[in-house]
């Protein structure tokens, strides 16, 4: 059966306050913009109309941010999901009490902050696996801080894979018309080239398709990028495109997917930005991240800061839902009150969408 025949138009069912999904949101690194954007996102009333948000992290840090920035909200410190109020104006915080406020310095790498960030992620995963929350959203973390704390992971994706015992997973970036999944992410460029294999390309193509369906994407055409300049130019500039990528494309077509490739990435992403493809497969981290962030990040040269930072990172293949902001810790502006919560709001909205799809409400 052609895979596309399984896609049928569906409508959102009416939600009641009781049926709204509980979304666990980590504050990210305490010394980053994570706590600030988490609070700012929950100052948007529409969030409470679509879900029951629960911050996971350190109540002391969040209270410090509220006071420092004079934000119009209060904290409800809890130690069980059942204690949450889920009321606009009162932020429920699953408190882990791992930060000494007297030692917190915004914009600095520290093992203390790395430990707090890591334990927040670990706790939100546990809550999701125990089905106490419906989806998870993560704030930005600093990889060195986490590693300094003794937790040797390359990033969120690897932490989630480890604690959910997931072997097949991939990073999917989403922003407006751009949906980009990666064959590899946090590895060296040399290793990334070695990881371009038919089986992995086919695997992430399937994960991309599943993500497009669950996000409600109607255009199911998938572009698969080449690795070498001009997609190898028939073997003139490397053999990976003809020996690994093309066979994966042909296998995907036989399975019923509407795929095109290998497409030279310099033209593929230009077409993807217009909506020509419903989603695209990038061969390595920067091949996908650079065009994606050009579309979603808006730098103000006069103010020397971002006016807007949009983009959602979704980990596909997990048994639980995980979305995230697709930006870093922004240590240089942490604690200054100028961080944009756009990406965090979008990440929460995506988590809600995926939760409703999983529950059959879409």
Protein backbone atom coordinates (compact mmCIF):
# COMPACT_ATOMS: atom_id res chain seq x y z
CA UNK A 1 0.00 0.00 0.00
CA UNK A 2 1.29 3.46 -0.87
CA UNK A 3 2.24 5.21 2.38
CA UNK A 4 0.57 8.47 1.37
CA UNK A 5 -2.83 6.78 1.30
CA UNK A 6 -2.75 6.56 5.10
CA UNK A 7 -2.86 10.36 5.43
CA UNK A 8 -6.44 11.60 5.83
CA UNK A 9 -7.69 15.07 6.85
CA UNK A 10 -8.51 15.22 10.56
CA UNK A 11 -9.90 17.88 12.86
CA UNK A 12 -8.90 18.89 16.37
CA UNK A 13 -11.29 17.71 19.05
CA UNK A 14 -12.55 20.22 21.59
CA UNK A 15 -10.37 20.30 24.71
CA UNK A 16 -11.58 20.86 28.26
CA UNK A 17 -9.28 22.11 31.08
CA UNK A 18 -9.20 18.58 32.48
CA UNK A 19 -8.12 17.07 29.16
CA UNK A 20 -5.29 19.51 28.47
CA UNK A 21 -1.91 17.79 28.28
CA UNK A 22 0.60 18.29 31.08
CA UNK A 23 3.84 19.58 29.58
CA UNK A 24 7.05 19.29 31.59
CA UNK A 25 9.50 22.11 30.79
CA UNK A 26 13.11 22.16 31.99
CA UNK A 27 14.67 25.50 32.86
CA UNK A 28 17.95 24.66 31.11
CA UNK A 29 21.28 25.85 32.48
CA UNK A 30 20.63 28.14 35.48
CA UNK A 31 23.35 30.56 34.31
CA UNK A 32 21.80 30.84 30.82
CA UNK A 33 18.75 32.52 29.35
CA UNK A 34 16.84 29.27 29.98
CA UNK A 35 15.08 30.29 33.22
CA UNK A 36 14.19 33.68 31.73
CA UNK A 37 12.61 32.35 28.54
CA UNK A 38 10.76 29.64 30.46
CA UNK A 39 9.09 32.24 32.67
CA UNK A 40 8.44 34.63 29.79
CA UNK A 41 6.78 31.83 27.79
CA UNK A 42 4.39 31.17 30.67
CA UNK A 43 3.47 34.86 30.78
CA UNK A 44 1.70 34.21 27.47
CA UNK A 45 -1.92 33.37 28.37
CA UNK A 46 -2.41 31.21 25.28
CA UNK A 47 -0.06 28.60 26.76
CA UNK A 48 -2.51 27.94 29.58
CA UNK A 49 -5.37 27.62 27.10
CA UNK A 50 -3.62 24.76 25.30
CA UNK A 51 -1.81 22.88 28.08
CA UNK A 52 -0.90 22.54 31.74
CA UNK A 53 2.73 23.73 31.93
CA UNK A 54 5.07 22.52 34.67
CA UNK A 55 8.61 23.86 35.04
CA UNK A 56 11.21 21.39 36.27
CA UNK A 57 14.35 22.78 37.86
CA UNK A 58 15.21 25.08 40.71
CA UNK A 59 12.53 27.26 42.30
CA UNK A 60 15.19 29.51 43.84
CA UNK A 61 16.72 30.33 40.46
CA UNK A 62 13.34 31.06 38.92
CA UNK A 63 12.33 33.25 41.86
CA UNK A 64 15.63 35.11 41.50
CA UNK A 65 14.87 35.80 37.83
CA UNK A 66 11.36 36.97 38.64
CA UNK A 67 12.65 39.44 41.21
CA UNK A 68 15.61 40.58 39.11
CA UNK A 69 13.41 41.32 36.06
CA UNK A 70 10.28 42.39 38.01
CA UNK A 71 8.10 39.88 36.21
CA UNK A 72 4.38 39.77 37.19
CA UNK A 73 4.17 36.15 38.32
CA UNK A 74 4.58 34.03 41.45
CA UNK A 75 6.09 30.60 42.10
CA UNK A 76 4.30 27.51 43.42
CA UNK A 77 7.11 25.20 44.57
CA UNK A 78 6.06 21.54 44.40
CA UNK A 79 7.56 18.07 44.72
CA UNK A 80 4.82 16.08 42.95
CA UNK A 81 2.85 16.75 39.78
CA UNK A 82 -0.38 16.38 41.78
CA UNK A 83 0.50 19.52 43.74
CA UNK A 84 0.46 21.75 40.64
CA UNK A 85 -2.21 24.44 40.33
CA UNK A 86 -1.90 25.02 36.55
CA UNK A 87 -3.19 28.56 36.98
CA UNK A 88 -2.10 31.54 34.90
CA UNK A 89 0.00 33.92 36.96
CA UNK A 90 1.26 31.16 39.24
CA UNK A 91 4.14 29.12 37.81
CA UNK A 92 4.31 25.56 39.11
CA UNK A 93 7.92 24.48 39.65
CA UNK A 94 8.93 20.89 40.35
CA UNK A 95 11.77 21.93 42.62
CA UNK A 96 15.06 20.00 42.68
CA UNK A 97 16.93 22.54 44.91
CA UNK A 98 20.35 22.00 43.36
CA UNK A 99 21.56 25.60 42.99
CA UNK A 100 23.21 27.80 45.61
CA UNK A 101 21.96 31.25 44.59
CA UNK A 102 24.94 32.85 46.31
CA UNK A 103 27.25 31.03 43.91
CA UNK A 104 25.20 31.56 40.74
CA UNK A 105 26.87 33.83 38.19
CA UNK A 106 24.98 34.42 34.95
CA UNK A 107 26.98 33.64 31.85
CA UNK A 108 29.51 31.40 33.56
CA UNK A 109 30.19 27.72 32.98
CA UNK A 110 30.07 25.74 36.23
CA UNK A 111 29.68 22.17 37.42
CA UNK A 112 26.94 23.30 39.82
CA UNK A 113 24.83 24.61 36.95
CA UNK A 114 25.69 21.59 34.82
CA UNK A 115 24.47 19.26 37.57
CA UNK A 116 21.24 21.25 37.99
CA UNK A 117 20.58 21.26 34.24
CA UNK A 118 21.30 17.55 33.89
CA UNK A 119 19.11 16.52 36.82
CA UNK A 120 16.26 18.64 35.46
CA UNK A 121 16.42 16.75 32.17
CA UNK A 122 16.67 13.39 33.92
CA UNK A 123 13.66 14.20 36.12
CA UNK A 124 11.44 15.32 33.25
CA UNK A 125 12.29 12.09 31.38
CA UNK A 126 11.36 10.06 34.45
CA UNK A 127 8.04 11.90 34.79
CA UNK A 128 7.22 11.23 31.14
CA UNK A 129 8.16 7.55 31.35
CA UNK A 130 5.96 7.26 34.45
CA UNK A 131 3.15 8.94 32.44
CA UNK A 132 2.80 11.70 34.99
CA UNK A 133 3.27 14.24 32.22
CA UNK A 134 2.29 14.01 28.55
CA UNK A 135 5.29 15.60 26.88
CA UNK A 136 8.62 17.24 27.64
CA UNK A 137 10.19 20.52 26.51
CA UNK A 138 13.81 21.37 27.21
CA UNK A 139 15.57 24.68 27.73
CA UNK A 140 19.16 25.28 26.55
CA UNK A 141 22.03 23.51 28.28
CA UNK A 142 25.79 23.96 28.19
CA UNK A 143 27.57 20.77 27.23
CA UNK A 144 30.80 21.67 29.05
CA UNK A 145 28.95 22.45 32.28
CA UNK A 146 27.22 19.09 32.15
CA UNK A 147 30.45 17.27 31.38
CA UNK A 148 32.23 19.18 34.18
CA UNK A 149 29.52 17.82 36.47
CA UNK A 150 30.53 14.31 35.46
CA UNK A 151 27.79 13.54 32.93
CA UNK A 152 29.48 12.71 29.66
CA UNK A 153 26.86 13.31 26.99
CA UNK A 154 27.11 15.30 23.76
CA UNK A 155 23.71 16.90 24.30
CA UNK A 156 20.02 16.54 25.07
CA UNK A 157 19.40 14.02 22.30
CA UNK A 158 21.96 11.60 23.66
CA UNK A 159 20.68 12.00 27.24
CA UNK A 160 17.15 11.17 26.14
CA UNK A 161 18.30 8.22 24.07
CA UNK A 162 20.28 6.84 27.03
CA UNK A 163 17.54 7.12 29.65
CA UNK A 164 14.80 5.83 27.33
CA UNK A 165 16.99 3.03 25.96
CA UNK A 166 16.42 4.26 22.40
CA UNK A 167 18.73 3.07 19.64
CA UNK A 168 17.19 4.65 16.54
CA UNK A 169 16.59 8.39 16.85
CA UNK A 170 17.24 11.64 15.01
CA UNK A 171 17.09 15.40 15.44
CA UNK A 172 14.23 17.13 13.58
CA UNK A 173 14.25 20.93 13.30
CA UNK A 174 10.95 22.72 12.63
CA UNK A 175 10.28 26.36 11.80
CA UNK A 176 7.43 27.46 9.56
CA UNK A 177 8.01 25.79 6.16
CA UNK A 178 11.36 24.29 7.11
CA UNK A 179 11.50 20.77 8.54
CA UNK A 180 15.02 19.35 8.63
CA UNK A 181 16.15 15.98 9.96
CA UNK A 182 19.79 14.90 10.28
CA UNK A 183 21.64 11.71 9.46
CA UNK A 184 24.22 12.68 12.11
CA UNK A 185 24.62 15.57 14.55
CA UNK A 186 27.18 15.87 17.33
CA UNK A 187 30.19 14.21 15.73
CA UNK A 188 33.27 15.47 13.89
CA UNK A 189 32.90 16.31 10.22
CA UNK A 190 35.22 13.41 9.34
CA UNK A 191 33.02 11.00 11.29
CA UNK A 192 29.87 12.54 9.84
CA UNK A 193 31.03 11.65 6.32
CA UNK A 194 31.65 8.07 7.41
CA UNK A 195 28.12 7.86 8.85
CA UNK A 196 26.44 8.57 5.52
CA UNK A 197 25.08 5.07 4.96
CA UNK A 198 22.05 3.78 3.09
CA UNK A 199 20.46 2.16 6.17
CA UNK A 200 20.78 5.33 8.30
CA UNK A 201 19.46 7.59 5.53
CA UNK A 202 16.43 5.36 5.07
CA UNK A 203 15.92 5.26 8.84
CA UNK A 204 15.85 9.05 9.25
CA UNK A 205 13.64 9.42 6.18
CA UNK A 206 11.06 7.22 7.90
CA UNK A 207 11.44 9.24 11.13
CA UNK A 208 10.97 12.46 9.16
CA UNK A 209 7.83 11.15 7.53
CA UNK A 210 6.40 10.16 10.91
CA UNK A 211 7.23 13.59 12.27
CA UNK A 212 5.59 15.35 9.34
CA UNK A 213 2.41 13.31 9.82
CA UNK A 214 2.25 13.94 13.58
CA UNK A 215 2.80 17.68 13.07
CA UNK A 216 -0.04 17.87 10.57
CA UNK A 217 2.10 18.54 7.50
CA UNK A 218 0.06 18.12 4.31
CA UNK A 219 2.97 18.25 1.86
CA UNK A 220 4.71 14.89 2.24
CA UNK A 221 7.35 15.40 -0.45
CA UNK A 222 10.83 14.80 1.02
CA UNK A 223 14.12 16.15 -0.30
CA UNK A 224 17.28 14.17 0.52
CA UNK A 225 20.49 16.19 0.38
CA UNK A 226 23.68 15.13 -1.27
CA UNK A 227 26.90 15.06 0.76
CA UNK A 228 29.53 16.27 -1.69
CA UNK A 229 29.55 19.39 -3.90
CA UNK A 230 26.90 19.08 -6.63
CA UNK A 231 25.80 15.80 -4.97
CA UNK A 232 29.04 14.22 -6.14
CA UNK A 233 28.59 15.17 -9.81
CA UNK A 234 28.31 11.54 -10.90
CA UNK A 235 31.28 10.44 -8.84
CA UNK A 236 33.66 13.27 -9.72
CA UNK A 237 33.63 14.65 -6.15
CA UNK A 238 33.24 11.58 -3.98
CA UNK A 239 31.28 8.35 -4.15
CA UNK A 240 28.94 8.59 -1.15
CA UNK A 241 26.14 10.19 -3.17
CA UNK A 242 25.99 7.37 -5.73
CA UNK A 243 26.92 4.47 -3.47
CA UNK A 244 24.91 5.29 -0.31
CA UNK A 245 22.44 8.17 -0.78
CA UNK A 246 20.97 7.22 -4.17
CA UNK A 247 20.30 3.60 -3.12
CA UNK A 248 18.53 4.93 -0.01
CA UNK A 249 16.36 7.19 -2.17
CA UNK A 250 15.46 4.31 -4.46
CA UNK A 251 14.60 2.08 -1.49
CA UNK A 252 12.42 4.81 0.00
CA UNK A 253 10.50 5.17 -3.26
CA UNK A 254 9.84 1.44 -3.33
CA UNK A 255 8.38 1.77 0.18
CA UNK A 256 5.95 4.41 -1.08
CA UNK A 257 7.64 7.61 0.05
CA UNK A 258 7.61 10.65 -2.23
CA UNK A 259 11.34 11.41 -2.17
CA UNK A 260 13.80 13.30 -4.34
CA UNK A 261 17.56 13.03 -4.18
CA UNK A 262 20.37 13.21 -3.76
CA UNK A 263 19.74 16.93 -4.25
CA UNK A 264 22.64 19.41 -4.09
CA UNK A 265 22.03 21.12 -0.74
CA UNK A 266 22.68 24.63 -2.03
CA UNK A 267 19.54 24.34 -4.17
CA UNK A 268 17.55 21.94 -1.97
CA UNK A 269 17.33 24.30 0.98
CA UNK A 270 16.37 27.25 -1.23
CA UNK A 271 13.42 25.20 -2.47
CA UNK A 272 12.62 23.90 1.03
CA UNK A 273 12.31 27.47 2.35
CA UNK A 274 9.45 28.06 -0.09
CA UNK A 275 7.56 24.94 0.96
CA UNK A 276 8.45 22.89 -2.11
CA UNK A 277 9.43 20.05 0.21
CA UNK A 278 7.41 19.17 3.28
CA UNK A 279 10.67 18.10 4.89
CA UNK A 280 14.29 17.48 4.03
CA UNK A 281 17.09 15.12 5.12
CA UNK A 282 20.47 16.73 5.88
CA UNK A 283 23.59 14.59 5.95
CA UNK A 284 25.28 16.28 8.92
CA UNK A 285 24.81 18.91 11.65
CA UNK A 286 25.85 22.17 9.98
CA UNK A 287 24.46 21.23 6.58
CA UNK A 288 21.00 21.36 8.14
CA UNK A 289 21.48 23.88 10.94
CA UNK A 290 22.95 26.77 8.92
CA UNK A 291 20.08 27.20 6.42
CA UNK A 292 17.55 26.46 9.16
CA UNK A 293 18.87 29.20 11.42
CA UNK A 294 19.14 31.65 8.53
CA UNK A 295 15.37 31.19 8.20
CA UNK A 296 14.48 31.40 11.89
CA UNK A 297 17.06 33.68 13.54
CA UNK A 298 16.74 37.45 13.00
CA UNK A 299 19.84 39.43 14.00
CA UNK A 300 19.53 43.18 14.65
CA UNK A 301 22.85 44.66 13.54
CA UNK A 302 22.11 48.06 15.09
CA UNK A 303 21.23 46.68 18.53
CA UNK A 304 23.76 43.84 18.19
CA UNK A 305 21.27 41.28 19.43
CA UNK A 306 18.64 38.89 18.10
CA UNK A 307 15.23 40.41 17.50
CA UNK A 308 13.72 36.97 17.23
CA UNK A 309 14.96 33.41 17.61
CA UNK A 310 12.56 30.83 16.22
CA UNK A 311 12.94 27.13 15.69
CA UNK A 312 11.99 23.93 17.43
CA UNK A 313 14.15 20.85 17.93
CA UNK A 314 12.22 17.56 18.14
CA UNK A 315 13.84 14.23 18.93
CA UNK A 316 12.21 11.61 16.74
CA UNK A 317 12.17 7.90 17.60
CA UNK A 318 11.75 8.23 21.37
CA UNK A 319 8.97 6.50 23.36
CA UNK A 320 8.19 9.92 24.89
CA UNK A 321 7.73 13.37 23.36
CA UNK A 322 10.63 15.77 23.49
CA UNK A 323 10.78 19.21 21.88
CA UNK A 324 13.26 21.97 22.57
CA UNK A 325 14.32 25.46 21.65
CA UNK A 326 16.85 25.31 18.83
CA UNK A 327 19.25 27.85 20.24
CA UNK A 328 22.00 27.83 22.81
CA UNK A 329 22.47 29.21 26.30
CA UNK A 330 23.25 32.77 25.10
CA UNK A 331 25.44 33.36 28.14
CA UNK A 332 26.32 36.83 26.85
CA UNK A 333 22.79 38.13 27.53
CA UNK A 334 21.79 35.86 30.43
CA UNK A 335 20.08 37.71 33.27
CA UNK A 336 19.68 40.92 31.27
CA UNK A 337 15.98 40.55 30.51
CA UNK A 338 16.35 40.84 26.73
CA UNK A 339 16.10 37.16 25.74
CA UNK A 340 13.33 36.20 23.32
CA UNK A 341 10.89 33.48 24.38
CA UNK A 342 9.67 32.90 20.80
CA UNK A 343 11.41 29.54 20.40
CA UNK A 344 10.26 28.30 23.81
CA UNK A 345 6.64 29.17 23.00
CA UNK A 346 6.93 27.34 19.67
CA UNK A 347 8.51 24.34 21.38
CA UNK A 348 5.60 24.16 23.85
CA UNK A 349 3.08 24.46 21.02
CA UNK A 350 4.80 21.64 19.13
CA UNK A 351 4.81 19.46 22.25
CA UNK A 352 1.07 20.03 22.60
CA UNK A 353 0.51 19.15 18.94
CA UNK A 354 2.53 15.95 19.24
CA UNK A 355 0.76 15.01 22.47
CA UNK A 356 -2.66 15.41 20.92
CA UNK A 357 -1.61 13.36 17.90
CA UNK A 358 -0.29 10.60 20.19
CA UNK A 359 -3.58 10.56 22.09
CA UNK A 360 -5.59 10.37 18.88
CA UNK A 361 -7.05 13.84 19.31
CA UNK A 362 -5.95 15.01 15.87
